[in-house]
Structures are given as C-alpha cells and as structure tokens.
Amino acid sequence: MSDPDLATDIARVCHDANRAWQIVTGDPAISPLWEEAPEWQRGSAIEGVRHALNGATAEQLHQAWCDYKTADGWVYGPTKDEAAKTHPCLVPYSDLPPEQLRKDDLFAAIVAALTTKENHDG
C-alpha cells in the first residue's frame, strides 16, 4: 500500500471516530459519513494524518488544523457554519474545551495505533 493510500485509509478511520465522538458528546454539528463528507473535510483529515505520521503531537495537530482552516478562509465563530466558514475550535489548543482536547488525542492515538509496527506483530 502506498503512503497516499495509507494516509487516506487512516483518515477515514479518524473521520469515523471523530464522527462517533461528536455523537457521544452531543456535538450540534455532526460530520457526515466519510463518503458524504465534502472534499475539504476529507482533505483536512488526510492532511492531519500526514502531520501525525511526521510525529506531530495532538497540540501540533490542532495548530496544523487551524492553519489549514484559516488558509481556506475559515475564522473563529461561536458555531460551526460551513457557509460562513466559522468554527468554534479555531482557538489556541490550551483554550479548547476538554471534549475537543480528547478529540485531538483520539486522532493522534488512532494514527499511532494504525502505523506502529509493534501493533502489527500479533
């Protein structure tokens, strides 16, 4: 499997886990299924996986996500609004609420679990 395929496959798992986390935590803006997600959302997840594969911490992943979003015209807003390109998580990592911090930790843990050799030496 090539690296682009691997990044995309892992991004799909991360996206699905993120969606499940949104459901469990009562997030008012639940992401669509991977197959129905807009290209920008899938691209953001793939980019996040690439950063994680390069050793980024959860905090660095969040900053990379913020950079990705702002480069695409998104700004901070109290609610997630795709049309207005506003998102409440466009804040420093230290200002994120606990459920959002855990979401970044979950993303990093999934990437590590799916790419660490020891996890495949069953």
Protein backbone atom coordinates (compact mmCIF):
# COMPACT_ATOMS: atom_id res chain seq x y z
CA MET A 1 0.00 0.00 0.00
CA SER A 2 1.41 3.41 -0.95
CA ASP A 3 1.70 6.28 1.52
CA PRO A 4 -1.17 8.28 -0.09
CA ASP A 5 -3.41 5.24 0.20
CA LEU A 6 -2.33 4.69 3.80
CA ALA A 7 -2.96 8.33 4.74
CA THR A 8 -6.40 8.21 3.14
CA ASP A 9 -7.33 4.91 4.81
CA ILE A 10 -6.23 6.18 8.22
CA ALA A 11 -8.01 9.50 7.63
CA ARG A 12 -11.23 7.59 7.00
CA VAL A 13 -10.87 5.77 10.34
CA CYS A 14 -10.05 9.05 12.13
CA HIS A 15 -13.02 10.77 10.50
CA ASP A 16 -15.39 7.97 11.52
CA ALA A 17 -14.03 8.01 15.08
CA ASN A 18 -14.37 11.80 15.19
CA ARG A 19 -17.96 11.48 13.99
CA ALA A 20 -18.69 8.88 16.68
CA TRP A 21 -17.09 11.16 19.29
CA GLN A 22 -19.30 14.03 18.10
CA ILE A 23 -22.39 11.85 18.54
CA VAL A 24 -21.37 10.66 22.02
CA THR A 25 -20.55 14.18 23.23
CA GLY A 26 -23.71 15.74 21.81
CA ASP A 27 -21.93 17.97 19.29
CA PRO A 28 -24.55 20.06 17.49
CA ALA A 29 -22.68 19.87 14.15
CA ILE A 30 -22.03 16.19 13.50
CA SER A 31 -19.83 15.48 10.50
CA PRO A 32 -21.32 13.48 7.65
CA LEU A 33 -20.18 9.96 6.86
CA TRP A 34 -16.81 9.83 5.06
CA GLU A 35 -18.45 9.00 1.74
CA GLU A 36 -20.74 12.03 2.06
CA ALA A 37 -18.14 14.42 3.52
CA PRO A 38 -17.16 17.38 1.36
CA GLU A 39 -13.73 17.27 -0.25
CA TRP A 40 -12.38 19.97 2.08
CA GLN A 41 -13.29 17.85 5.11
CA ARG A 42 -11.68 14.71 3.74
CA GLY A 43 -8.62 16.73 2.71
CA SER A 44 -8.32 18.19 6.18
CA ALA A 45 -8.34 14.70 7.73
CA ILE A 46 -5.76 13.41 5.26
CA GLU A 47 -3.53 16.41 5.95
CA GLY A 48 -3.88 15.76 9.69
CA VAL A 49 -2.81 12.15 9.22
CA ARG A 50 0.25 13.28 7.27
CA HIS A 51 1.24 15.61 10.13
CA ALA A 52 0.70 12.83 12.67
CA LEU A 53 2.81 10.44 10.58
CA ASN A 54 5.59 13.02 10.79
CA GLY A 55 5.43 12.91 14.59
CA ALA A 56 3.14 15.84 15.38
CA THR A 57 1.68 15.94 18.88
CA ALA A 58 -2.03 16.47 19.49
CA GLU A 59 -1.31 20.17 20.09
CA GLN A 60 0.69 20.42 16.86
CA LEU A 61 -2.10 18.60 15.02
CA HIS A 62 -4.57 21.17 16.28
CA GLN A 63 -2.33 24.04 15.16
CA ALA A 64 -1.89 22.45 11.73
CA TRP A 65 -5.68 22.06 11.50
CA CYS A 66 -6.14 25.73 12.44
CA ASP A 67 -3.58 26.72 9.80
CA TYR A 68 -5.34 24.56 7.20
CA LYS A 69 -8.72 26.09 8.03
CA THR A 70 -7.55 29.71 8.10
CA ALA A 71 -5.70 29.25 4.80
CA ASP A 72 -9.07 28.18 3.37
CA GLY A 73 -10.78 31.32 4.69
CA TRP A 74 -12.25 29.99 7.94
CA VAL A 75 -12.38 32.21 11.03
CA TYR A 76 -13.37 31.79 14.64
CA GLY A 77 -17.12 31.83 15.27
CA PRO A 78 -19.29 30.62 18.14
CA THR A 79 -20.83 27.93 15.93
CA LYS A 80 -19.60 25.74 13.10
CA ASP A 81 -21.06 27.13 9.91
CA GLU A 82 -19.76 25.78 6.61
CA ALA A 83 -21.35 28.54 4.53
CA ALA A 84 -19.91 31.34 6.69
CA LYS A 85 -16.70 29.36 7.28
CA THR A 86 -16.79 29.85 11.05
CA HIS A 87 -15.69 27.31 13.64
CA PRO A 88 -15.59 27.50 17.47
CA CYS A 89 -12.38 25.42 17.65
CA LEU A 90 -10.24 27.99 15.82
CA VAL A 91 -8.60 28.92 19.11
CA PRO A 92 -5.27 28.03 20.73
CA TYR A 93 -5.04 24.40 21.86
CA SER A 94 -4.95 25.47 25.52
CA ASP A 95 -8.34 27.21 25.08
CA LEU A 96 -10.16 24.14 23.72
CA PRO A 97 -12.84 22.53 25.90
CA PRO A 98 -11.99 19.07 27.29
CA GLU A 99 -14.06 17.13 24.73
CA GLN A 100 -12.19 18.85 21.90
CA LEU A 101 -8.81 18.14 23.52
CA ARG A 102 -9.78 14.48 23.74
CA LYS A 103 -10.81 14.51 20.07
CA ASP A 104 -7.29 15.63 19.10
CA ASP A 105 -5.79 12.97 21.39
CA LEU A 106 -8.05 10.35 19.80
CA PHE A 107 -6.95 11.36 16.30
CA ALA A 108 -3.26 11.09 17.23
CA ALA A 109 -3.81 7.76 19.01
CA ILE A 110 -5.60 6.25 16.01
CA VAL A 111 -2.79 7.23 13.67
CA ALA A 112 -0.23 5.76 16.07
CA ALA A 113 -2.23 2.56 16.53
CA LEU A 114 -2.56 2.02 12.80
CA THR A 115 1.07 2.71 11.97
CA THR A 116 3.13 1.41 14.87
CA LYS A 117 4.95 -1.79 13.89
CA GLU A 118 4.55 -3.32 17.36
CA ASN A 119 0.77 -3.20 16.90
CA HIS A 120 1.07 -5.43 13.83
CA ASP A 121 3.36 -8.06 15.32
CA GLY A 122 0.49 -10.11 16.79
